[in-house]
N, C-alpha and C. Protein backbone atom coordinates (compact mmCIF):
# COMPACT_ATOMS: atom_id res chain seq x y z
N UNK A 1 122.72 39.83 163.76
CA UNK A 1 124.16 40.98 163.49
C UNK A 1 125.21 41.01 162.54
N UNK A 2 125.75 39.90 162.35
CA UNK A 2 127.31 39.75 161.28
C UNK A 2 126.88 39.86 160.11
N UNK A 3 125.53 39.47 159.46
CA UNK A 3 124.93 39.84 157.99
C UNK A 3 124.91 41.16 157.78
N UNK A 4 124.86 42.29 159.21
CA UNK A 4 124.71 43.72 158.96
C UNK A 4 126.13 44.19 158.37
N UNK A 5 126.87 43.57 159.01
CA UNK A 5 128.16 44.16 159.18
C UNK A 5 128.82 43.97 157.77
N UNK A 6 128.27 42.79 157.07
CA UNK A 6 129.08 42.60 155.57
C UNK A 6 128.46 43.54 154.70
N UNK A 7 127.65 44.52 154.92
CA UNK A 7 126.59 45.54 153.62
C UNK A 7 127.95 46.53 153.73
N UNK A 8 127.79 47.51 152.31
CA UNK A 8 128.54 48.42 151.79
C UNK A 8 128.71 49.51 152.61
N UNK A 9 127.41 49.84 152.74
CA UNK A 9 126.94 51.26 153.30
C UNK A 9 126.47 50.76 154.80
N UNK A 10 127.11 51.19 155.80
CA UNK A 10 126.32 51.06 156.79
C UNK A 10 126.97 52.43 158.57
N UNK A 11 125.58 52.59 158.99
CA UNK A 11 126.09 53.57 159.70
C UNK A 11 126.22 52.89 161.10
N UNK A 12 127.48 54.01 162.03
CA UNK A 12 127.87 53.25 163.24
C UNK A 12 127.95 54.76 163.93
N UNK A 13 128.29 53.86 165.55
CA UNK A 13 128.56 55.01 166.42
C UNK A 13 129.98 54.30 167.30
N UNK A 14 130.38 55.38 167.36
CA UNK A 14 131.34 55.85 168.81
C UNK A 14 131.02 55.83 169.95
N UNK A 15 131.40 55.17 171.06
CA UNK A 15 130.59 55.01 172.30
C UNK A 15 132.16 56.08 173.25
N UNK A 16 131.65 57.04 173.81
CA UNK A 16 132.70 57.23 174.83
C UNK A 16 133.52 56.65 175.88
N UNK A 17 131.80 55.64 176.14
CA UNK A 17 132.47 54.73 177.27
C UNK A 17 131.51 53.80 176.81
N UNK A 18 131.92 52.45 177.68
CA UNK A 18 131.24 50.79 177.59
C UNK A 18 130.41 50.12 178.64
N UNK A 19 130.44 51.14 179.98
CA UNK A 19 129.86 51.08 180.93
C UNK A 19 129.44 52.19 181.44
N UNK A 20 128.24 52.59 181.78
CA UNK A 20 127.89 53.78 182.75
C UNK A 20 126.96 53.26 183.98
N UNK A 21 127.08 54.67 184.56
CA UNK A 21 126.01 54.50 186.16
C UNK A 21 124.83 55.35 185.92
N UNK A 22 124.23 55.55 186.56
CA UNK A 22 123.49 56.21 186.68
C UNK A 22 123.64 57.76 186.84
N UNK A 23 123.45 58.54 185.99
CA UNK A 23 124.05 59.91 185.86
C UNK A 23 124.93 60.12 184.99
N UNK A 24 125.06 59.38 184.28
CA UNK A 24 126.49 59.47 183.39
C UNK A 24 125.97 59.94 182.04
N UNK A 25 126.76 60.71 181.12
CA UNK A 25 126.15 61.06 180.11
C UNK A 25 126.68 60.52 178.89
N UNK A 26 125.81 60.06 177.85
CA UNK A 26 126.12 59.07 176.81
C UNK A 26 126.58 59.62 176.09
N UNK A 27 127.99 60.00 175.18
CA UNK A 27 128.06 60.23 174.30
C UNK A 27 128.66 59.88 172.68
N UNK A 28 128.31 59.59 171.87
CA UNK A 28 128.37 59.18 170.57
C UNK A 28 128.87 59.85 169.50
N UNK A 29 129.91 59.33 168.72
CA UNK A 29 130.37 60.16 167.61
C UNK A 29 129.76 58.93 166.46
N UNK A 30 128.63 59.67 165.37
CA UNK A 30 127.84 58.86 164.43
C UNK A 30 128.71 59.04 162.75
N UNK A 31 129.07 58.28 162.85
CA UNK A 31 129.42 58.18 160.95
C UNK A 31 128.87 57.16 160.58
N UNK A 32 128.73 57.56 158.82
CA UNK A 32 128.17 56.43 158.18
C UNK A 32 129.73 55.82 157.32
N UNK A 33 130.23 54.65 157.24
CA UNK A 33 131.15 53.67 156.73
C UNK A 33 130.58 53.81 155.14
N UNK A 34 130.95 53.97 154.25
CA UNK A 34 130.56 53.73 152.60
C UNK A 34 131.83 52.86 152.05
N UNK A 35 131.94 51.81 151.97
CA UNK A 35 132.76 50.67 151.07
C UNK A 35 132.45 50.35 149.93
N UNK A 36 131.01 51.47 149.55
CA UNK A 36 130.67 51.09 147.98
C UNK A 36 131.58 51.59 146.80
N UNK A 37 131.07 51.53 145.80
CA UNK A 37 131.97 52.19 144.65
C UNK A 37 131.11 53.37 144.29
N UNK A 38 130.15 53.93 145.30
CA UNK A 38 129.45 55.38 144.13
C UNK A 38 129.39 56.34 145.58
N UNK A 39 129.04 57.75 145.80
CA UNK A 39 128.75 58.53 146.49
C UNK A 39 127.20 57.97 147.47
N UNK A 40 126.80 58.37 148.80
CA UNK A 40 126.25 57.73 149.44
C UNK A 40 125.58 59.12 150.05
N UNK A 41 124.31 59.30 150.42
CA UNK A 41 123.87 60.19 151.52
C UNK A 41 122.45 59.40 152.09
N UNK A 42 122.72 59.74 153.45
CA UNK A 42 121.64 59.41 153.72
C UNK A 42 120.92 59.97 155.11
N UNK A 43 119.43 59.89 155.30
CA UNK A 43 119.07 59.89 156.48
C UNK A 43 119.43 59.27 158.12
N UNK A 44 119.64 59.05 158.69
CA UNK A 44 119.75 58.60 159.83
C UNK A 44 118.99 58.91 161.27
N UNK A 45 117.73 57.64 161.68
CA UNK A 45 117.26 58.19 162.62
C UNK A 45 118.05 57.08 163.88
N UNK A 46 118.47 57.84 165.10
CA UNK A 46 119.20 57.56 166.08
C UNK A 46 118.16 56.75 167.41
N UNK A 47 118.08 56.32 167.89
CA UNK A 47 116.90 55.64 168.65
C UNK A 47 118.07 54.77 170.13
N UNK A 48 117.35 55.05 171.58
CA UNK A 48 118.09 54.39 172.41
C UNK A 48 117.06 53.22 173.01
N UNK A 49 117.71 52.42 173.51
CA UNK A 49 116.69 50.77 173.92
C UNK A 49 117.14 50.57 174.93
N UNK A 50 116.37 50.82 175.86
CA UNK A 50 117.24 50.29 177.63
C UNK A 50 115.55 49.36 178.26
N UNK A 51 115.55 48.06 178.83
CA UNK A 51 114.74 47.48 179.22
C UNK A 51 113.98 47.40 178.59
N UNK A 52 113.75 47.31 177.39
CA UNK A 52 112.91 46.84 176.54
C UNK A 52 111.71 48.08 176.01
N UNK A 53 112.55 49.34 176.21
CA UNK A 53 111.76 50.79 175.68
C UNK A 53 112.88 51.11 175.22
N UNK A 54 111.95 52.03 173.68
CA UNK A 54 112.73 52.55 172.69
C UNK A 54 112.15 54.21 172.82
N UNK A 55 113.26 54.22 172.80
CA UNK A 55 113.09 55.99 172.42
C UNK A 55 113.96 56.95 171.36
N UNK A 56 113.06 57.37 170.64
CA UNK A 56 113.71 58.57 169.44
C UNK A 56 114.50 59.34 169.76
N UNK A 57 116.10 59.69 169.30
CA UNK A 57 116.85 60.26 170.05
C UNK A 57 117.20 61.57 169.09
N UNK A 58 117.77 61.21 168.31
CA UNK A 58 117.53 62.52 166.62
C UNK A 58 117.51 61.75 165.33
N UNK A 59 117.43 62.48 164.41
CA UNK A 59 117.80 61.88 163.02
C UNK A 59 119.28 62.96 162.50
N UNK A 60 119.81 62.48 161.64
CA UNK A 60 121.59 63.29 161.20
C UNK A 60 121.03 62.68 159.96
N UNK A 61 121.33 63.81 159.06
CA UNK A 61 121.53 64.01 157.80
C UNK A 61 123.06 63.60 157.40
N UNK A 62 123.68 62.45 156.90
CA UNK A 62 125.60 62.36 156.51
C UNK A 62 125.72 63.43 155.82
N UNK A 63 125.02 64.02 154.97
CA UNK A 63 125.76 64.53 153.88
C UNK A 63 126.59 63.80 153.04
N UNK A 64 127.44 63.92 151.71
CA UNK A 64 127.59 63.39 150.91
C UNK A 64 129.07 62.53 151.73
N UNK A 65 128.89 60.91 151.00
CA UNK A 65 130.06 60.19 152.30
C UNK A 65 130.98 59.76 150.45
N UNK A 66 132.00 60.42 150.18
CA UNK A 66 132.68 60.05 148.99
C UNK A 66 132.81 58.21 149.04
N UNK A 67 133.42 57.76 147.98
CA UNK A 67 133.41 56.43 147.88
C UNK A 67 135.01 55.89 148.07
């Protein structure tokens, strides 16, 4: 995981909470970090993984992200 954090462009999520109970709603702010020297645009797929099961949630077009 550490090597992924050293990439110039990386999708990220800011969670509203770090601890959830049954029935809580998980909310996240999605964004694309761009530390490269060029504009970037990407289509990002979002998955939720819990207890060994992975489920597709949505895809997101980042739009153009400035350098």
